[in-house]
N, C-alpha and C. Protein backbone atom coordinates (compact mmCIF):
# COMPACT_ATOMS: atom_id res chain seq x y z
N MET A 1 86.01 26.88 -37.67
CA MET A 1 85.32 27.26 -38.99
C MET A 1 85.31 28.78 -38.91
N THR A 2 85.77 29.38 -39.99
CA THR A 2 85.77 30.84 -40.07
C THR A 2 84.26 31.15 -40.42
N PRO A 3 83.95 32.51 -40.32
CA PRO A 3 82.62 32.90 -40.76
C PRO A 3 82.50 32.82 -42.13
N GLU A 4 83.55 33.00 -43.08
CA GLU A 4 83.53 32.75 -44.56
C GLU A 4 83.23 31.48 -44.81
N GLN A 5 83.82 30.46 -44.12
CA GLN A 5 83.60 29.03 -44.46
C GLN A 5 82.14 28.67 -44.01
N ALA A 6 81.79 29.15 -42.78
CA ALA A 6 80.25 28.83 -42.48
C ALA A 6 79.35 29.45 -43.57
N TYR A 7 79.70 30.71 -44.05
CA TYR A 7 78.71 31.19 -45.02
C TYR A 7 78.76 30.39 -46.44
N GLN A 8 79.92 29.99 -46.74
CA GLN A 8 80.03 29.16 -48.08
C GLN A 8 79.28 27.79 -47.97
N ASP A 9 79.39 27.25 -46.60
CA ASP A 9 78.63 25.97 -46.25
C ASP A 9 77.12 26.18 -46.36
N LEU A 10 76.61 27.30 -45.76
CA LEU A 10 75.21 27.73 -45.85
C LEU A 10 74.70 27.89 -47.27
N LEU A 11 75.56 28.49 -47.97
CA LEU A 11 75.15 28.75 -49.55
C LEU A 11 75.09 27.37 -50.24
N GLN A 12 76.03 26.57 -49.91
CA GLN A 12 75.95 25.21 -50.65
C GLN A 12 74.86 24.42 -50.17
N ARG A 13 74.45 24.44 -48.92
CA ARG A 13 73.28 23.63 -48.40
C ARG A 13 71.98 24.36 -49.12
N SER A 14 71.91 25.62 -49.02
CA SER A 14 70.71 26.31 -49.56
C SER A 14 70.55 25.94 -51.02
N LYS A 15 71.62 25.81 -51.72
CA LYS A 15 71.50 25.60 -53.23
C LYS A 15 71.01 23.97 -53.33
N GLU A 16 71.44 23.17 -52.55
CA GLU A 16 71.07 21.74 -52.51
C GLU A 16 69.60 21.56 -52.18
N ILE A 17 69.13 22.35 -51.18
CA ILE A 17 67.76 22.31 -50.63
C ILE A 17 66.93 22.90 -51.91
N ALA A 18 67.33 24.00 -52.53
CA ALA A 18 66.54 24.42 -53.72
C ALA A 18 66.47 23.58 -54.86
N LEU A 19 67.61 22.79 -55.04
CA LEU A 19 67.66 21.95 -56.18
C LEU A 19 66.57 20.71 -55.95
N ILE A 20 66.51 20.26 -54.65
CA ILE A 20 65.83 19.06 -54.27
C ILE A 20 64.36 19.57 -54.43
N GLY A 21 64.03 20.90 -53.97
CA GLY A 21 62.54 21.41 -54.10
C GLY A 21 62.18 21.52 -55.60
N SER A 22 63.00 21.94 -56.46
CA SER A 22 62.76 22.04 -57.94
C SER A 22 62.54 20.66 -58.48
N THR A 23 63.45 19.74 -58.12
CA THR A 23 63.35 18.44 -58.62
C THR A 23 62.01 17.72 -58.35
N SER A 24 61.77 17.96 -57.16
CA SER A 24 60.43 17.39 -56.52
C SER A 24 59.18 18.02 -57.34
N ALA A 25 59.24 19.27 -57.67
CA ALA A 25 58.10 20.03 -58.31
C ALA A 25 57.82 19.53 -59.65
N VAL A 26 59.12 19.40 -60.47
CA VAL A 26 59.06 18.74 -61.70
C VAL A 26 58.60 17.45 -61.76
N LEU A 27 59.11 16.64 -60.96
CA LEU A 27 58.63 15.20 -60.79
C LEU A 27 57.06 15.06 -60.47
N GLY A 28 56.68 15.95 -59.65
CA GLY A 28 55.29 15.96 -59.24
C GLY A 28 54.40 16.40 -60.51
N TRP A 29 54.85 17.44 -61.27
CA TRP A 29 54.06 17.80 -62.39
C TRP A 29 54.19 16.72 -63.41
N ASP A 30 55.28 16.18 -63.64
CA ASP A 30 55.42 15.07 -64.69
C ASP A 30 54.38 13.89 -64.35
N GLN A 31 54.22 13.51 -63.01
CA GLN A 31 53.54 12.48 -62.73
C GLN A 31 52.07 12.80 -62.98
N GLU A 32 51.58 14.12 -62.68
CA GLU A 32 50.45 14.43 -63.00
C GLU A 32 49.88 14.52 -64.46
N VAL A 33 50.97 14.97 -65.29
CA VAL A 33 50.61 15.18 -66.71
C VAL A 33 50.96 13.98 -67.50
N ASN A 34 51.82 13.22 -67.20
CA ASN A 34 52.08 12.11 -68.15
C ASN A 34 51.84 10.65 -67.67
N MET A 35 51.54 10.44 -66.49
CA MET A 35 51.17 9.21 -65.95
C MET A 35 49.72 8.66 -66.58
N PRO A 36 49.68 7.50 -67.04
CA PRO A 36 48.64 6.97 -67.74
C PRO A 36 47.49 6.86 -66.64
N PRO A 37 46.25 7.07 -66.85
CA PRO A 37 45.16 7.13 -66.06
C PRO A 37 45.02 5.76 -65.19
N SER A 38 45.44 4.50 -65.66
CA SER A 38 45.16 3.41 -64.94
C SER A 38 46.26 3.46 -63.79
N TRP A 39 47.34 4.17 -63.90
CA TRP A 39 48.48 4.07 -62.93
C TRP A 39 48.14 4.97 -61.76
N ALA A 40 47.38 6.14 -61.99
CA ALA A 40 47.10 7.08 -60.99
C ALA A 40 46.36 6.44 -59.90
N SER A 41 45.48 5.60 -60.02
CA SER A 41 44.69 4.96 -58.90
C SER A 41 45.52 4.11 -58.06
N SER A 42 46.38 3.29 -58.77
CA SER A 42 47.16 2.35 -58.08
C SER A 42 48.56 2.99 -57.26
N SER A 43 48.87 4.19 -57.73
CA SER A 43 50.04 4.70 -56.97
C SER A 43 49.66 5.44 -55.82
N SER A 44 48.43 5.84 -55.65
CA SER A 44 48.06 6.82 -54.49
C SER A 44 48.09 6.10 -53.16
């Protein structure tokens, strides 16, 4: 693997990790804001 290929692989993995983190944050926010009160106690 050349340094350029390694760098491109690193960039791709970093983008995927950032996307997973962003998705997790949005889903967490959505759960807190939109989940009916009766569901909050049963899903914890």
